[in-house]
Amino acid sequence: MPSLRLQRVQELLKRTVGEILRRESSIEKHGLITVNNVKVTSDLHSAVVFASILGSDQQKKRGTEWLDKKRKRLQGQLAREVILKYSPELKFIVGDTIHEGDRILEILDELDQGSSQT
């Protein structure tokens, strides 16, 4: 389990990266990019940003490419906004957690309806 300080740094990075993405990305071009979680190594040298993109397949593709292309710029903005001894190197992992969550809710609704009918 990460230390309290590491948890606080992860939460700060999550909020800040989310805000930077909101300002920098175009919803029409890249879809709605949301930050689900951030995992930082204990030495604070690198961070994995788990994101999801809500939009069409083309928007998701462009959004993923945009994150890869602009990673250094986003990392620089993060370094200016969050003062840490080391500015972590960012790595973006884009997943479909929103769609997976929706599917789980659908399954739970189906199970709930099935148990109420009996």
C-alpha atoms as a PDB file:
ATOM      1  CA  MET A   1       0.000   0.000   0.000  1.00  0.00           C
ATOM      2  CA  PRO A   2       1.434   3.400  -0.957  1.00  0.00           C
ATOM      3  CA  SER A   3       2.345   5.876   1.736  1.00  0.00           C
ATOM      4  CA  LEU A   4       0.031   8.737   2.582  1.00  0.00           C
ATOM      5  CA  ARG A   5       2.381  11.210   0.878  1.00  0.00           C
ATOM      6  CA  LEU A   6       2.461   9.121  -2.305  1.00  0.00           C
ATOM      7  CA  GLN A   7      -1.337   8.877  -2.289  1.00  0.00           C
ATOM      8  CA  ARG A   8      -1.616  12.653  -1.956  1.00  0.00           C
ATOM      9  CA  VAL A   9       0.875  13.219  -4.796  1.00  0.00           C
ATOM     10  CA  GLN A  10      -1.056  10.779  -7.008  1.00  0.00           C
ATOM     11  CA  GLU A  11      -4.336  12.572  -6.313  1.00  0.00           C
ATOM     12  CA  LEU A  12      -2.740  15.976  -6.965  1.00  0.00           C
ATOM     13  CA  LEU A  13      -1.301  14.761 -10.267  1.00  0.00           C
ATOM     14  CA  LYS A  14      -4.639  13.222 -11.245  1.00  0.00           C
ATOM     15  CA  ARG A  15      -6.487  16.513 -10.713  1.00  0.00           C
ATOM     16  CA  THR A  16      -3.794  18.617 -12.364  1.00  0.00           C
ATOM     17  CA  VAL A  17      -3.346  16.399 -15.436  1.00  0.00           C
ATOM     18  CA  GLY A  18      -7.129  16.301 -15.821  1.00  0.00           C
ATOM     19  CA  GLU A  19      -7.284  20.097 -15.728  1.00  0.00           C
ATOM     20  CA  ILE A  20      -4.433  20.421 -18.245  1.00  0.00           C
ATOM     21  CA  LEU A  21      -6.146  17.966 -20.605  1.00  0.00           C
ATOM     22  CA  ARG A  22      -9.418  19.863 -20.272  1.00  0.00           C
ATOM     23  CA  ARG A  23      -7.691  23.104 -21.276  1.00  0.00           C
ATOM     24  CA  GLU A  24      -5.475  21.719 -24.034  1.00  0.00           C
ATOM     25  CA  SER A  25      -7.574  19.128 -25.855  1.00  0.00           C
ATOM     26  CA  SER A  26     -10.440  19.741 -28.230  1.00  0.00           C
ATOM     27  CA  ILE A  27     -13.536  17.670 -27.481  1.00  0.00           C
ATOM     28  CA  GLU A  28     -14.636  17.857 -31.123  1.00  0.00           C
ATOM     29  CA  LYS A  29     -11.274  16.500 -32.336  1.00  0.00           C
ATOM     30  CA  HIS A  30     -10.102  14.198 -29.558  1.00  0.00           C
ATOM     31  CA  GLY A  31     -13.298  13.301 -27.698  1.00  0.00           C
ATOM     32  CA  LEU A  32     -13.719  13.840 -23.980  1.00  0.00           C
ATOM     33  CA  ILE A  33     -10.470  12.741 -22.326  1.00  0.00           C
ATOM     34  CA  THR A  34     -10.795  11.927 -18.631  1.00  0.00           C
ATOM     35  CA  VAL A  35      -8.152  10.857 -16.143  1.00  0.00           C
ATOM     36  CA  ASN A  36      -9.282   7.827 -14.145  1.00  0.00           C
ATOM     37  CA  ASN A  37      -6.185   7.231 -12.063  1.00  0.00           C
ATOM     38  CA  VAL A  38      -2.493   8.061 -11.733  1.00  0.00           C
ATOM     39  CA  LYS A  39       0.134   5.681 -10.371  1.00  0.00           C
ATOM     40  CA  VAL A  40       3.457   7.211  -9.388  1.00  0.00           C
ATOM     41  CA  THR A  41       6.618   5.287  -8.618  1.00  0.00           C
ATOM     42  CA  SER A  42       7.931   5.699  -5.078  1.00  0.00           C
ATOM     43  CA  ASP A  43      10.902   7.769  -6.308  1.00  0.00           C
ATOM     44  CA  LEU A  44       8.498  10.138  -8.177  1.00  0.00           C
ATOM     45  CA  HIS A  45      10.482   9.791 -11.412  1.00  0.00           C
ATOM     46  CA  SER A  46       7.650   8.343 -13.493  1.00  0.00           C
ATOM     47  CA  ALA A  47       3.879   8.274 -13.487  1.00  0.00           C
ATOM     48  CA  VAL A  48       1.360   6.212 -15.408  1.00  0.00           C
ATOM     49  CA  VAL A  49      -1.810   8.130 -16.251  1.00  0.00           C
ATOM     50  CA  PHE A  50      -4.833   5.902 -16.837  1.00  0.00           C
ATOM     51  CA  ALA A  51      -7.235   7.782 -19.092  1.00  0.00           C
ATOM     52  CA  SER A  52     -10.357   7.077 -21.058  1.00  0.00           C
ATOM     53  CA  ILE A  53     -11.763   8.814 -24.101  1.00  0.00           C
ATOM     54  CA  LEU A  54     -15.473   9.232 -24.620  1.00  0.00           C
ATOM     55  CA  GLY A  55     -16.406   9.747 -28.257  1.00  0.00           C
ATOM     56  CA  SER A  56     -16.479   8.079 -31.642  1.00  0.00           C
ATOM     57  CA  ASP A  57     -13.869   5.522 -32.681  1.00  0.00           C
ATOM     58  CA  GLN A  58     -12.150   8.167 -34.801  1.00  0.00           C
ATOM     59  CA  GLN A  59     -12.073  10.613 -31.863  1.00  0.00           C
ATOM     60  CA  LYS A  60     -10.604   7.905 -29.634  1.00  0.00           C
ATOM     61  CA  LYS A  61      -7.895   7.160 -32.185  1.00  0.00           C
ATOM     62  CA  ARG A  62      -7.035  10.853 -32.629  1.00  0.00           C
ATOM     63  CA  GLY A  63      -7.157  11.417 -28.857  1.00  0.00           C
ATOM     64  CA  THR A  64      -4.749   8.549 -28.196  1.00  0.00           C
ATOM     65  CA  GLU A  65      -2.383   9.794 -30.908  1.00  0.00           C
ATOM     66  CA  TRP A  66      -2.619  13.340 -29.519  1.00  0.00           C
ATOM     67  CA  LEU A  67      -1.703  12.148 -26.007  1.00  0.00           C
ATOM     68  CA  ASP A  68       1.345  10.311 -27.364  1.00  0.00           C
ATOM     69  CA  LYS A  69       2.405  13.274 -29.513  1.00  0.00           C
ATOM     70  CA  LYS A  70       1.908  15.944 -26.811  1.00  0.00           C
ATOM     71  CA  ARG A  71       3.227  13.918 -23.872  1.00  0.00           C
ATOM     72  CA  LYS A  72       6.361  16.039 -23.401  1.00  0.00           C
ATOM     73  CA  ARG A  73       4.410  19.300 -23.603  1.00  0.00           C
ATOM     74  CA  LEU A  74       1.845  18.054 -21.075  1.00  0.00           C
ATOM     75  CA  GLN A  75       4.693  16.889 -18.848  1.00  0.00           C
ATOM     76  CA  GLY A  76       6.261  20.362 -19.005  1.00  0.00           C
ATOM     77  CA  GLN A  77       2.989  22.038 -18.084  1.00  0.00           C
ATOM     78  CA  LEU A  78       2.582  19.646 -15.184  1.00  0.00           C
ATOM     79  CA  ALA A  79       6.094  20.518 -13.974  1.00  0.00           C
ATOM     80  CA  ARG A  80       5.209  24.231 -14.005  1.00  0.00           C
ATOM     81  CA  GLU A  81       1.948  23.736 -12.121  1.00  0.00           C
ATOM     82  CA  VAL A  82       3.029  21.152  -9.535  1.00  0.00           C
ATOM     83  CA  ILE A  83       6.265  21.867  -7.728  1.00  0.00           C
ATOM     84  CA  LEU A  84       7.988  18.615  -6.801  1.00  0.00           C
ATOM     85  CA  LYS A  85      11.639  17.702  -6.366  1.00  0.00           C
ATOM     86  CA  TYR A  86      11.351  15.565  -9.495  1.00  0.00           C
ATOM     87  CA  SER A  87       8.824  16.092 -12.225  1.00  0.00           C
ATOM     88  CA  PRO A  88       7.583  12.626 -13.170  1.00  0.00           C
ATOM     89  CA  GLU A  89       7.857  11.352 -16.716  1.00  0.00           C
ATOM     90  CA  LEU A  90       4.317  10.676 -17.887  1.00  0.00           C
ATOM     91  CA  LYS A  91       3.071   7.593 -19.680  1.00  0.00           C
ATOM     92  CA  PHE A  92      -0.532   7.510 -20.864  1.00  0.00           C
ATOM     93  CA  ILE A  93      -2.583   4.329 -20.964  1.00  0.00           C
ATOM     94  CA  VAL A  94      -5.965   4.735 -22.611  1.00  0.00           C
ATOM     95  CA  GLY A  95      -8.653   2.220 -21.717  1.00  0.00           C
ATOM     96  CA  ASP A  96     -12.390   1.722 -22.020  1.00  0.00           C
ATOM     97  CA  THR A  97     -13.217   1.813 -18.326  1.00  0.00           C
ATOM     98  CA  ILE A  98     -16.311   3.967 -18.903  1.00  0.00           C
ATOM     99  CA  HIS A  99     -17.770   1.408 -21.327  1.00  0.00           C
ATOM    100  CA  GLU A 100     -16.791  -1.462 -19.042  1.00  0.00           C
ATOM    101  CA  GLY A 101     -18.513   0.280 -16.128  1.00  0.00           C
ATOM    102  CA  ASP A 102     -21.648   0.841 -18.206  1.00  0.00           C
ATOM    103  CA  ARG A 103     -21.687  -2.840 -19.173  1.00  0.00           C
ATOM    104  CA  ILE A 104     -21.362  -3.896 -15.524  1.00  0.00           C
ATOM    105  CA  LEU A 105     -24.277  -1.623 -14.591  1.00  0.00           C
ATOM    106  CA  GLU A 106     -26.362  -3.155 -17.403  1.00  0.00           C
ATOM    107  CA  ILE A 107     -25.596  -6.667 -16.126  1.00  0.00           C
ATOM    108  CA  LEU A 108     -26.515  -5.657 -12.556  1.00  0.00           C
ATOM    109  CA  ASP A 109     -29.803  -4.168 -13.799  1.00  0.00           C
ATOM    110  CA  GLU A 110     -30.575  -7.389 -15.692  1.00  0.00           C
ATOM    111  CA  LEU A 111     -29.837  -9.455 -12.594  1.00  0.00           C
ATOM    112  CA  ASP A 112     -31.966  -7.153 -10.469  1.00  0.00           C
ATOM    113  CA  GLN A 113     -34.889  -7.395 -12.900  1.00  0.00           C
ATOM    114  CA  GLY A 114     -34.518 -11.169 -13.064  1.00  0.00           C
ATOM    115  CA  SER A 115     -34.640 -11.531  -9.269  1.00  0.00           C
ATOM    116  CA  SER A 116     -37.705  -9.232  -8.973  1.00  0.00           C
ATOM    117  CA  GLN A 117     -39.672 -11.349 -11.451  1.00  0.00           C
ATOM    118  CA  THR A 118     -39.349 -14.502  -9.372  1.00  0.00           C
END
